[in-house]
Amino acid sequence: MNLTSPESLIFWTSLIFIVFFLLMRKLAWKPILGAVKSREDSINNALLSAENAKKDMQNLKADNEKLLAEARAERDIMIKEAREIKEKMISDAKSEAQMQGEKMIEQAKASIASEKNAAIADLKNQVGALSIEIAEKVLKGELANKEAQTKLVETMLGDAKLN
């Protein structure tokens, strides 16, 4: 067999290929498949971790939205309570002011009535004093003459006996 002939070339090429294939299978194939399998497992683990992280993020987002909704509800309740307290304070202040106003009006009415009564009493005293003064002057004028004086005394005595 000649080494340069095409048949021998095919034979030697095939033999080298088979030997190379067996050596590769025995020495390199398992480590390569192991590395590929390891890489595949690490990729799957990374995908699983990413999926878990995505679920955790969704759960955190849902929790955050829930907390935000609760905070808004609490804020709304606090605002409502503050408004109610404000309205109550305004209402109480109005009631208090109205009561104070009515009390002041009653005091003013009582003061006016007291002053009116005092003025009426003063007026009666002045009218009484004026009446006495007028009566004195009239009596002095009538009693200035002796005859009118005697007649007045007799009239008064007559009236006194009748009563």
C-alpha atoms as a PDB file:
ATOM      1  CA  MET A   1       0.000   0.000   0.000  1.00  0.00           C
ATOM      2  CA  ASN A   2       1.297   3.251  -1.012  1.00  0.00           C
ATOM      3  CA  LEU A   3       0.923   6.067   1.431  1.00  0.00           C
ATOM      4  CA  THR A   4       0.226   8.629  -1.208  1.00  0.00           C
ATOM      5  CA  SER A   5      -2.603   6.806  -2.874  1.00  0.00           C
ATOM      6  CA  PRO A   6      -6.085   8.108  -2.364  1.00  0.00           C
ATOM      7  CA  GLU A   7      -7.268   4.903  -0.674  1.00  0.00           C
ATOM      8  CA  SER A   8      -4.517   4.956   1.816  1.00  0.00           C
ATOM      9  CA  LEU A   9      -5.135   8.646   2.432  1.00  0.00           C
ATOM     10  CA  ILE A  10      -8.767   7.932   3.165  1.00  0.00           C
ATOM     11  CA  PHE A  11      -7.799   5.034   5.389  1.00  0.00           C
ATOM     12  CA  TRP A  12      -5.322   7.038   7.421  1.00  0.00           C
ATOM     13  CA  THR A  13      -7.621  10.036   7.641  1.00  0.00           C
ATOM     14  CA  SER A  14     -10.476   7.852   8.820  1.00  0.00           C
ATOM     15  CA  LEU A  15      -8.259   6.077  11.321  1.00  0.00           C
ATOM     16  CA  ILE A  16      -6.950   9.387  12.713  1.00  0.00           C
ATOM     17  CA  PHE A  17     -10.500  10.695  12.879  1.00  0.00           C
ATOM     18  CA  ILE A  18     -11.744   7.632  14.774  1.00  0.00           C
ATOM     19  CA  VAL A  19      -8.814   7.761  17.195  1.00  0.00           C
ATOM     20  CA  PHE A  20      -9.337  11.478  17.640  1.00  0.00           C
ATOM     21  CA  PHE A  21     -13.056  10.901  18.181  1.00  0.00           C
ATOM     22  CA  LEU A  22     -12.455   8.165  20.787  1.00  0.00           C
ATOM     23  CA  LEU A  23      -9.871  10.282  22.593  1.00  0.00           C
ATOM     24  CA  MET A  24     -12.199  13.255  22.560  1.00  0.00           C
ATOM     25  CA  ARG A  25     -15.070  11.113  23.783  1.00  0.00           C
ATOM     26  CA  LYS A  26     -13.025   9.619  26.560  1.00  0.00           C
ATOM     27  CA  LEU A  27     -11.111  12.707  27.655  1.00  0.00           C
ATOM     28  CA  ALA A  28     -12.991  15.856  26.593  1.00  0.00           C
ATOM     29  CA  TRP A  29     -16.616  14.933  25.966  1.00  0.00           C
ATOM     30  CA  LYS A  30     -17.611  14.341  29.606  1.00  0.00           C
ATOM     31  CA  PRO A  31     -15.922  17.525  30.904  1.00  0.00           C
ATOM     32  CA  ILE A  32     -17.445  19.556  28.057  1.00  0.00           C
ATOM     33  CA  LEU A  33     -20.915  18.072  28.692  1.00  0.00           C
ATOM     34  CA  GLY A  34     -20.409  18.604  32.438  1.00  0.00           C
ATOM     35  CA  ALA A  35     -19.454  22.241  31.830  1.00  0.00           C
ATOM     36  CA  VAL A  36     -22.455  22.706  29.521  1.00  0.00           C
ATOM     37  CA  LYS A  37     -24.739  21.022  32.054  1.00  0.00           C
ATOM     38  CA  SER A  38     -23.267  23.147  34.844  1.00  0.00           C
ATOM     39  CA  ARG A  39     -23.745  26.274  32.753  1.00  0.00           C
ATOM     40  CA  GLU A  40     -27.315  25.246  31.934  1.00  0.00           C
ATOM     41  CA  ASP A  41     -28.041  24.656  35.633  1.00  0.00           C
ATOM     42  CA  SER A  42     -26.560  28.018  36.618  1.00  0.00           C
ATOM     43  CA  ILE A  43     -28.618  29.749  33.907  1.00  0.00           C
ATOM     44  CA  ASN A  44     -31.775  27.969  35.112  1.00  0.00           C
ATOM     45  CA  ASN A  45     -30.964  28.940  38.703  1.00  0.00           C
ATOM     46  CA  ALA A  46     -30.395  32.530  37.649  1.00  0.00           C
ATOM     47  CA  LEU A  47     -33.724  32.548  35.776  1.00  0.00           C
ATOM     48  CA  LEU A  48     -35.461  31.022  38.785  1.00  0.00           C
ATOM     49  CA  SER A  49     -33.843  33.609  41.061  1.00  0.00           C
ATOM     50  CA  ALA A  50     -34.891  36.366  38.690  1.00  0.00           C
ATOM     51  CA  GLU A  51     -38.461  35.018  38.647  1.00  0.00           C
ATOM     52  CA  ASN A  52     -38.485  34.845  42.456  1.00  0.00           C
ATOM     53  CA  ALA A  53     -37.085  38.374  42.666  1.00  0.00           C
ATOM     54  CA  LYS A  54     -39.794  39.532  40.256  1.00  0.00           C
ATOM     55  CA  LYS A  55     -42.471  37.893  42.427  1.00  0.00           C
ATOM     56  CA  ASP A  56     -40.931  39.456  45.537  1.00  0.00           C
ATOM     57  CA  MET A  57     -40.934  42.858  43.839  1.00  0.00           C
ATOM     58  CA  GLN A  58     -44.590  42.400  42.882  1.00  0.00           C
ATOM     59  CA  ASN A  59     -45.407  41.403  46.464  1.00  0.00           C
ATOM     60  CA  LEU A  60     -43.488  44.411  47.781  1.00  0.00           C
ATOM     61  CA  LYS A  61     -45.251  46.669  45.314  1.00  0.00           C
ATOM     62  CA  ALA A  62     -48.629  45.258  46.380  1.00  0.00           C
ATOM     63  CA  ASP A  63     -47.671  45.709  50.043  1.00  0.00           C
ATOM     64  CA  ASN A  64     -46.534  49.268  49.355  1.00  0.00           C
ATOM     65  CA  GLU A  65     -49.787  50.043  47.560  1.00  0.00           C
ATOM     66  CA  LYS A  66     -51.728  48.511  50.443  1.00  0.00           C
ATOM     67  CA  LEU A  67     -49.765  50.575  52.976  1.00  0.00           C
ATOM     68  CA  LEU A  68     -50.244  53.677  50.857  1.00  0.00           C
ATOM     69  CA  ALA A  69     -53.987  53.025  50.663  1.00  0.00           C
ATOM     70  CA  GLU A  70     -54.122  52.525  54.436  1.00  0.00           C
ATOM     71  CA  ALA A  71     -52.146  55.726  54.983  1.00  0.00           C
ATOM     72  CA  ARG A  72     -54.512  57.620  52.685  1.00  0.00           C
ATOM     73  CA  ALA A  73     -57.519  56.167  54.509  1.00  0.00           C
ATOM     74  CA  GLU A  74     -55.997  57.179  57.857  1.00  0.00           C
ATOM     75  CA  ARG A  75     -55.252  60.643  56.504  1.00  0.00           C
ATOM     76  CA  ASP A  76     -58.836  60.979  55.265  1.00  0.00           C
ATOM     77  CA  ILE A  77     -60.164  59.872  58.653  1.00  0.00           C
ATOM     78  CA  MET A  78     -57.886  62.343  60.441  1.00  0.00           C
ATOM     79  CA  ILE A  79     -58.969  65.160  58.115  1.00  0.00           C
ATOM     80  CA  LYS A  80     -62.618  64.230  58.655  1.00  0.00           C
ATOM     81  CA  GLU A  81     -62.130  64.196  62.437  1.00  0.00           C
ATOM     82  CA  ALA A  82     -60.307  67.529  62.281  1.00  0.00           C
ATOM     83  CA  ARG A  83     -63.170  69.026  60.275  1.00  0.00           C
ATOM     84  CA  GLU A  84     -65.710  67.654  62.757  1.00  0.00           C
ATOM     85  CA  ILE A  85     -63.703  69.087  65.657  1.00  0.00           C
ATOM     86  CA  LYS A  86     -63.459  72.427  63.823  1.00  0.00           C
ATOM     87  CA  GLU A  87     -67.220  72.460  63.167  1.00  0.00           C
ATOM     88  CA  LYS A  88     -67.918  71.551  66.804  1.00  0.00           C
ATOM     89  CA  MET A  89     -65.585  74.288  68.026  1.00  0.00           C
ATOM     90  CA  ILE A  90     -67.251  76.831  65.729  1.00  0.00           C
ATOM     91  CA  SER A  91     -70.689  75.649  66.825  1.00  0.00           C
ATOM     92  CA  ASP A  92     -69.685  75.780  70.501  1.00  0.00           C
ATOM     93  CA  ALA A  93     -68.195  79.241  70.015  1.00  0.00           C
ATOM     94  CA  LYS A  94     -71.391  80.433  68.293  1.00  0.00           C
ATOM     95  CA  SER A  95     -73.527  78.951  71.074  1.00  0.00           C
ATOM     96  CA  GLU A  96     -71.316  80.514  73.720  1.00  0.00           C
ATOM     97  CA  ALA A  97     -71.387  83.875  71.931  1.00  0.00           C
ATOM     98  CA  GLN A  98     -75.160  83.663  71.575  1.00  0.00           C
ATOM     99  CA  MET A  99     -75.538  82.806  75.271  1.00  0.00           C
ATOM    100  CA  GLN A 100     -73.204  85.664  76.228  1.00  0.00           C
ATOM    101  CA  GLY A 101     -75.139  88.009  73.929  1.00  0.00           C
ATOM    102  CA  GLU A 102     -78.456  86.963  75.443  1.00  0.00           C
ATOM    103  CA  LYS A 103     -76.989  87.348  78.923  1.00  0.00           C
ATOM    104  CA  MET A 104     -75.718  90.832  78.042  1.00  0.00           C
ATOM    105  CA  ILE A 105     -79.130  91.729  76.571  1.00  0.00           C
ATOM    106  CA  GLU A 106     -80.858  90.525  79.746  1.00  0.00           C
ATOM    107  CA  GLN A 107     -78.400  92.519  81.883  1.00  0.00           C
ATOM    108  CA  ALA A 108     -78.974  95.573  79.679  1.00  0.00           C
ATOM    109  CA  LYS A 109     -82.751  95.142  79.970  1.00  0.00           C
ATOM    110  CA  ALA A 110     -82.468  94.799  83.746  1.00  0.00           C
ATOM    111  CA  SER A 111     -80.199  97.852  83.878  1.00  0.00           C
ATOM    112  CA  ILE A 112     -82.607  99.832  81.697  1.00  0.00           C
ATOM    113  CA  ALA A 113     -85.579  98.768  83.834  1.00  0.00           C
ATOM    114  CA  SER A 114     -83.684  99.713  87.007  1.00  0.00           C
ATOM    115  CA  GLU A 115     -82.696 103.088  85.593  1.00  0.00           C
ATOM    116  CA  LYS A 116     -86.275 103.627  84.339  1.00  0.00           C
ATOM    117  CA  ASN A 117     -87.661 102.862  87.793  1.00  0.00           C
ATOM    118  CA  ALA A 118     -85.084 105.145  89.377  1.00  0.00           C
ATOM    119  CA  ALA A 119     -85.977 107.908  86.885  1.00  0.00           C
ATOM    120  CA  ILE A 120     -89.702 107.436  87.544  1.00  0.00           C
ATOM    121  CA  ALA A 121     -89.102 107.539  91.313  1.00  0.00           C
ATOM    122  CA  ASP A 122     -86.971 110.664  90.903  1.00  0.00           C
ATOM    123  CA  LEU A 123     -89.642 112.218  88.678  1.00  0.00           C
ATOM    124  CA  LYS A 124     -92.345 111.393  91.256  1.00  0.00           C
ATOM    125  CA  ASN A 125     -90.217 112.979  93.978  1.00  0.00           C
ATOM    126  CA  GLN A 126     -89.683 116.069  91.862  1.00  0.00           C
ATOM    127  CA  VAL A 127     -93.416 116.237  90.970  1.00  0.00           C
ATOM    128  CA  GLY A 128     -94.275 115.743  94.660  1.00  0.00           C
ATOM    129  CA  ALA A 129     -91.840 118.453  95.711  1.00  0.00           C
ATOM    130  CA  LEU A 130     -93.140 120.755  92.979  1.00  0.00           C
ATOM    131  CA  SER A 131     -96.728 120.018  94.005  1.00  0.00           C
ATOM    132  CA  ILE A 132     -95.920 120.817  97.601  1.00  0.00           C
ATOM    133  CA  GLU A 133     -94.222 124.029  96.559  1.00  0.00           C
ATOM    134  CA  ILE A 134     -97.218 125.043  94.445  1.00  0.00           C
ATOM    135  CA  ALA A 135     -99.594 124.104  97.238  1.00  0.00           C
ATOM    136  CA  GLU A 136     -97.531 126.151  99.691  1.00  0.00           C
ATOM    137  CA  LYS A 137     -97.634 129.158  97.416  1.00  0.00           C
ATOM    138  CA  VAL A 138    -101.378 128.756  96.846  1.00  0.00           C
ATOM    139  CA  LEU A 139    -101.996 128.297 100.545  1.00  0.00           C
ATOM    140  CA  LYS A 140     -99.802 131.260 101.415  1.00  0.00           C
ATOM    141  CA  GLY A 141    -101.781 133.343  98.958  1.00  0.00           C
ATOM    142  CA  GLU A 142    -105.112 132.168 100.314  1.00  0.00           C
ATOM    143  CA  LEU A 143    -104.056 132.240 103.945  1.00  0.00           C
ATOM    144  CA  ALA A 144    -102.721 135.740 103.650  1.00  0.00           C
ATOM    145  CA  ASN A 145    -106.057 137.139 104.454  1.00  0.00           C
ATOM    146  CA  LYS A 146    -107.728 136.232 107.767  1.00  0.00           C
ATOM    147  CA  GLU A 147    -111.189 135.690 106.450  1.00  0.00           C
ATOM    148  CA  ALA A 148    -110.094 133.195 103.768  1.00  0.00           C
ATOM    149  CA  GLN A 149    -108.078 131.401 106.409  1.00  0.00           C
ATOM    150  CA  THR A 150    -111.041 130.926 108.695  1.00  0.00           C
ATOM    151  CA  LYS A 151    -113.227 129.769 105.843  1.00  0.00           C
ATOM    152  CA  LEU A 152    -110.592 127.186 104.744  1.00  0.00           C
ATOM    153  CA  VAL A 153    -110.280 125.821 108.295  1.00  0.00           C
ATOM    154  CA  GLU A 154    -114.054 125.437 108.609  1.00  0.00           C
ATOM    155  CA  THR A 155    -114.246 123.685 105.243  1.00  0.00           C
ATOM    156  CA  MET A 156    -111.510 121.308 106.231  1.00  0.00           C
ATOM    157  CA  LEU A 157    -113.113 120.554 109.552  1.00  0.00           C
ATOM    158  CA  GLY A 158    -116.407 119.868 107.801  1.00  0.00           C
ATOM    159  CA  ASP A 159    -114.724 117.501 105.389  1.00  0.00           C
ATOM    160  CA  ALA A 160    -112.870 115.742 108.208  1.00  0.00           C
ATOM    161  CA  LYS A 161    -116.068 115.064 110.132  1.00  0.00           C
ATOM    162  CA  LEU A 162    -117.698 113.544 107.085  1.00  0.00           C
ATOM    163  CA  ASN A 163    -114.986 111.014 106.465  1.00  0.00           C
END
